[in-house]
C-alpha atoms as a PDB file:
ATOM      1  CA  MET A   1      31.019  97.690  89.677  1.00  0.00           C
ATOM      2  CA  LEU A   2      27.636  99.240  88.961  1.00  0.00           C
ATOM      3  CA  ASN A   3      29.352 102.519  88.031  1.00  0.00           C
ATOM      4  CA  ILE A   4      31.489 100.705  85.460  1.00  0.00           C
ATOM      5  CA  ILE A   5      28.412  99.083  83.904  1.00  0.00           C
ATOM      6  CA  ILE A   6      26.613 102.439  83.755  1.00  0.00           C
ATOM      7  CA  THR A   7      29.678 104.107  82.187  1.00  0.00           C
ATOM      8  CA  VAL A   8      29.961 101.430  79.491  1.00  0.00           C
ATOM      9  CA  ALA A   9      26.224 101.638  78.768  1.00  0.00           C
ATOM     10  CA  LEU A  10      26.378 105.426  78.412  1.00  0.00           C
ATOM     11  CA  VAL A  11      29.412 105.188  76.118  1.00  0.00           C
ATOM     12  CA  VAL A  12      27.564 102.700  73.885  1.00  0.00           C
ATOM     13  CA  ILE A  13      24.381 104.821  73.779  1.00  0.00           C
ATOM     14  CA  VAL A  14      26.207 108.084  73.061  1.00  0.00           C
ATOM     15  CA  GLY A  15      28.430 106.320  70.509  1.00  0.00           C
ATOM     16  CA  THR A  16      25.351 105.039  68.702  1.00  0.00           C
ATOM     17  CA  LEU A  17      23.818 108.528  68.657  1.00  0.00           C
ATOM     18  CA  ILE A  18      27.057 110.042  67.356  1.00  0.00           C
ATOM     19  CA  ASN A  19      27.223 107.374  64.657  1.00  0.00           C
ATOM     20  CA  GLN A  20      23.647 108.096  63.501  1.00  0.00           C
ATOM     21  CA  TYR A  21      23.629 111.886  63.564  1.00  0.00           C
ATOM     22  CA  THR A  22      27.136 112.947  62.516  1.00  0.00           C
ATOM     23  CA  SER A  23      29.422 112.198  59.593  1.00  0.00           C
ATOM     24  CA  GLY A  24      33.044 112.282  58.463  1.00  0.00           C
ATOM     25  CA  MET A  25      35.820 113.728  60.579  1.00  0.00           C
ATOM     26  CA  LEU A  26      33.431 115.043  63.244  1.00  0.00           C
ATOM     27  CA  LYS A  27      32.132 111.515  63.808  1.00  0.00           C
ATOM     28  CA  ARG A  28      35.659 110.133  64.196  1.00  0.00           C
ATOM     29  CA  ALA A  29      36.715 112.923  66.565  1.00  0.00           C
ATOM     30  CA  LEU A  30      33.641 112.550  68.766  1.00  0.00           C
ATOM     31  CA  ILE A  31      33.998 108.751  68.943  1.00  0.00           C
ATOM     32  CA  ILE A  32      37.684 109.070  69.917  1.00  0.00           C
ATOM     33  CA  ILE A  33      36.804 111.610  72.613  1.00  0.00           C
ATOM     34  CA  LEU A  34      34.011 109.356  73.857  1.00  0.00           C
ATOM     35  CA  ILE A  35      36.338 106.346  74.056  1.00  0.00           C
ATOM     36  CA  VAL A  36      38.964 108.348  75.956  1.00  0.00           C
ATOM     37  CA  VAL A  37      36.384 109.638  78.453  1.00  0.00           C
ATOM     38  CA  GLY A  38      34.994 106.118  78.919  1.00  0.00           C
ATOM     39  CA  VAL A  39      38.467 104.711  79.581  1.00  0.00           C
ATOM     40  CA  ILE A  40      39.259 107.473  82.089  1.00  0.00           C
ATOM     41  CA  PHE A  41      36.043 106.860  84.051  1.00  0.00           C
ATOM     42  CA  THR A  42      36.550 103.089  83.988  1.00  0.00           C
ATOM     43  CA  VAL A  43      40.163 103.327  85.208  1.00  0.00           C
ATOM     44  CA  LYS A  44      39.126 105.765  87.939  1.00  0.00           C
ATOM     45  CA  GLU A  45      36.353 103.444  89.117  1.00  0.00           C
ATOM     46  CA  CYS A  46      38.655 100.418  89.097  1.00  0.00           C
ATOM     47  CA  SER A  47      41.237 102.259  91.195  1.00  0.00           C
ATOM     48  CA  ASN A  48      38.542 103.165  93.745  1.00  0.00           C
ATOM     49  CA  SER A  49      37.442  99.549  94.066  1.00  0.00           C
ATOM     50  CA  GLN A  50      41.013  98.573  94.972  1.00  0.00           C
ATOM     51  CA  LEU A  51      40.531 100.367  98.288  1.00  0.00           C
ATOM     52  CA  VAL A  52      38.550  97.525  99.903  1.00  0.00           C
ATOM     53  CA  GLY A  53      40.837  95.160 101.791  1.00  0.00           C
ATOM     54  CA  ASN A  54      43.698  97.630 102.160  1.00  0.00           C
ATOM     55  CA  GLU A  55      45.410  97.537 105.558  1.00  0.00           C
ATOM     56  CA  TYR A  56      47.342 100.487 106.994  1.00  0.00           C
ATOM     57  CA  SER A  57      49.694 100.989 109.933  1.00  0.00           C
ATOM     58  CA  LEU A  58      51.889 103.869 111.069  1.00  0.00           C
ATOM     59  CA  SER A  59      55.033 101.940 110.150  1.00  0.00           C
ATOM     60  CA  GLY A  60      53.692 100.187 107.055  1.00  0.00           C
ATOM     61  CA  GLU A  61      54.467  96.884 108.782  1.00  0.00           C
ATOM     62  CA  GLN A  62      52.128  94.108 109.945  1.00  0.00           C
ATOM     63  CA  ARG A  63      49.469  94.388 112.562  1.00  0.00           C
ATOM     64  CA  TYR A  64      47.241  96.881 110.909  1.00  0.00           C
ATOM     65  CA  GLN A  65      45.685  99.791 112.757  1.00  0.00           C
ATOM     66  CA  ILE A  66      43.226 100.591 109.972  1.00  0.00           C
ATOM     67  CA  LYS A  67      41.589  98.217 107.505  1.00  0.00           C
ATOM     68  CA  ILE A  68      39.133  99.200 104.779  1.00  0.00           C
ATOM     69  CA  GLU A  69      36.292  96.694 104.837  1.00  0.00           C
ATOM     70  CA  ASP A  70      33.519  95.987 102.364  1.00  0.00           C
ATOM     71  CA  HIS A  71      30.154  97.829 102.596  1.00  0.00           C
ATOM     72  CA  ASN A  72      31.763 101.220 103.450  1.00  0.00           C
ATOM     73  CA  LEU A  73      33.204 100.148 106.792  1.00  0.00           C
ATOM     74  CA  ILE A  74      36.598 100.911 108.334  1.00  0.00           C
ATOM     75  CA  GLN A  75      38.049  98.651 111.020  1.00  0.00           C
ATOM     76  CA  THR A  76      40.247 100.671 113.382  1.00  0.00           C
ATOM     77  CA  ARG A  77      42.529  99.477 116.139  1.00  0.00           C
ATOM     78  CA  ILE A  78      43.689 102.926 117.130  1.00  0.00           C
ATOM     79  CA  SER A  79      41.916 103.302 120.460  1.00  0.00           C
ATOM     80  CA  GLY A  80      40.132 100.007 120.876  1.00  0.00           C
ATOM     81  CA  ASN A  81      38.575  97.928 118.151  1.00  0.00           C
ATOM     82  CA  ASP A  82      35.980  99.991 116.288  1.00  0.00           C
ATOM     83  CA  LEU A  83      34.050  99.294 113.112  1.00  0.00           C
ATOM     84  CA  LEU A  84      33.077 102.669 111.631  1.00  0.00           C
ATOM     85  CA  LYS A  85      30.852 103.572 108.663  1.00  0.00           C
ATOM     86  CA  TYR A  86      32.230 105.994 106.101  1.00  0.00           C
ATOM     87  CA  LYS A  87      31.251 107.810 102.909  1.00  0.00           C
ATOM     88  CA  LYS A  88      33.842 108.360 100.200  1.00  0.00           C
ATOM     89  CA  LYS A  89      33.980 111.884  98.780  1.00  0.00           C
ATOM     90  CA  GLY A  90      36.926 112.321  96.453  1.00  0.00           C
ATOM     91  CA  LYS A  91      40.039 111.429  98.424  1.00  0.00           C
ATOM     92  CA  ASN A  92      38.214 111.670 101.769  1.00  0.00           C
ATOM     93  CA  LEU A  93      36.694 108.812 103.746  1.00  0.00           C
ATOM     94  CA  ILE A  94      34.316 110.681 106.037  1.00  0.00           C
ATOM     95  CA  ILE A  95      33.247 108.842 109.180  1.00  0.00           C
ATOM     96  CA  ASP A  96      29.502 108.705 109.853  1.00  0.00           C
ATOM     97  CA  GLN A  97      28.404 111.343 112.368  1.00  0.00           C
ATOM     98  CA  ASN A  98      26.802 108.779 114.735  1.00  0.00           C
ATOM     99  CA  ASP A  99      30.038 106.776 114.824  1.00  0.00           C
ATOM    100  CA  VAL A 100      32.018 109.955 115.580  1.00  0.00           C
ATOM    101  CA  TYR A 101      29.778 110.728 118.547  1.00  0.00           C
ATOM    102  CA  ASN A 102      29.852 107.134 119.803  1.00  0.00           C
ATOM    103  CA  SER A 103      33.578 106.456 119.336  1.00  0.00           C
ATOM    104  CA  TYR A 104      35.373 109.734 120.069  1.00  0.00           C
ATOM    105  CA  ILE A 105      35.482 112.283 122.898  1.00  0.00           C
ATOM    106  CA  ASP A 106      32.770 114.933 123.105  1.00  0.00           C
ATOM    107  CA  SER A 107      34.823 117.759 121.599  1.00  0.00           C
ATOM    108  CA  VAL A 108      35.405 115.826 118.331  1.00  0.00           C
ATOM    109  CA  VAL A 109      32.824 116.750 115.687  1.00  0.00           C
ATOM    110  CA  ASP A 110      34.340 115.348 112.487  1.00  0.00           C
ATOM    111  CA  VAL A 111      36.718 112.509 111.605  1.00  0.00           C
ATOM    112  CA  ARG A 112      37.981 111.805 108.127  1.00  0.00           C
ATOM    113  CA  PHE A 113      40.741 109.835 106.499  1.00  0.00           C
ATOM    114  CA  VAL A 114      42.467 111.431 103.525  1.00  0.00           C
ATOM    115  CA  LEU A 115      43.886 109.125 100.852  1.00  0.00           C
ATOM    116  CA  SER A 116      47.086 110.074  99.054  1.00  0.00           C
ATOM    117  CA  ASP A 117      49.931 108.591  97.031  1.00  0.00           C
ATOM    118  CA  ARG A 118      47.577 106.312  95.020  1.00  0.00           C
ATOM    119  CA  ASN A 119      45.826 105.013  98.157  1.00  0.00           C
ATOM    120  CA  LYS A 120      49.158 104.046  99.746  1.00  0.00           C
ATOM    121  CA  LYS A 121      48.858 106.643 102.521  1.00  0.00           C
ATOM    122  CA  LEU A 122      45.928 107.418 104.775  1.00  0.00           C
ATOM    123  CA  THR A 123      46.010 110.553 106.924  1.00  0.00           C
ATOM    124  CA  MET A 124      43.614 110.736 109.870  1.00  0.00           C
ATOM    125  CA  MET A 125      42.183 114.226 110.381  1.00  0.00           C
ATOM    126  CA  ILE A 126      40.060 115.247 113.368  1.00  0.00           C
ATOM    127  CA  ARG A 127      38.063 118.461 113.682  1.00  0.00           C
ATOM    128  CA  TYR A 128      37.083 119.758 117.089  1.00  0.00           C
ATOM    129  CA  ASP A 129      34.034 121.770 118.148  1.00  0.00           C
ATOM    130  CA  ASP A 130      36.150 124.956 118.326  1.00  0.00           C
ATOM    131  CA  GLY A 131      36.830 124.637 114.582  1.00  0.00           C
ATOM    132  CA  SER A 132      40.447 123.550 114.888  1.00  0.00           C
ATOM    133  CA  GLU A 133      41.677 120.562 112.932  1.00  0.00           C
ATOM    134  CA  LYS A 134      44.492 118.198 113.815  1.00  0.00           C
ATOM    135  CA  GLU A 135      46.368 115.511 111.904  1.00  0.00           C
ATOM    136  CA  MET A 136      46.382 112.402 114.088  1.00  0.00           C
ATOM    137  CA  GLY A 137      48.735 110.266 112.017  1.00  0.00           C
ATOM    138  CA  VAL A 138      49.813 109.221 108.561  1.00  0.00           C
ATOM    139  CA  TYR A 139      49.237 105.501 108.015  1.00  0.00           C
ATOM    140  CA  LYS A 140      51.087 103.589 105.297  1.00  0.00           C
ATOM    141  CA  ILE A 141      49.681 100.666 103.374  1.00  0.00           C
ATOM    142  CA  ILE A 142      50.925  97.258 104.437  1.00  0.00           C
ATOM    143  CA  ASP A 143      52.388  95.433 101.447  1.00  0.00           C
END
């Protein structure tokens, strides 16, 4: 939500500057470009916020195996009942290094979930200490 507020504030500030220091067709073109960029950033941010509360299972049916919680937490029921911290980078939800070491076997050095199909699919990827990477499952959103 804070990102949306910042985006709107920047659009207003830049729009005001464009209005003061340009004229004619250039002013109109720059304002249209600014509005389009503002809308794109706002839509992108709104789609990211829709991630919280999503539940995923291998079949796409009830009893979730993965649930995206508030405050950058993922609830997993894959091998137990773990609550893991993550950081979102693009389409990747990267599990906190301490949680990887505490929740997975020693040879696992990196765990991430890759979002696809407009957040309707979540692919679990695990990287091992030998550098190899393995897909551990593709989870579908529960409707």
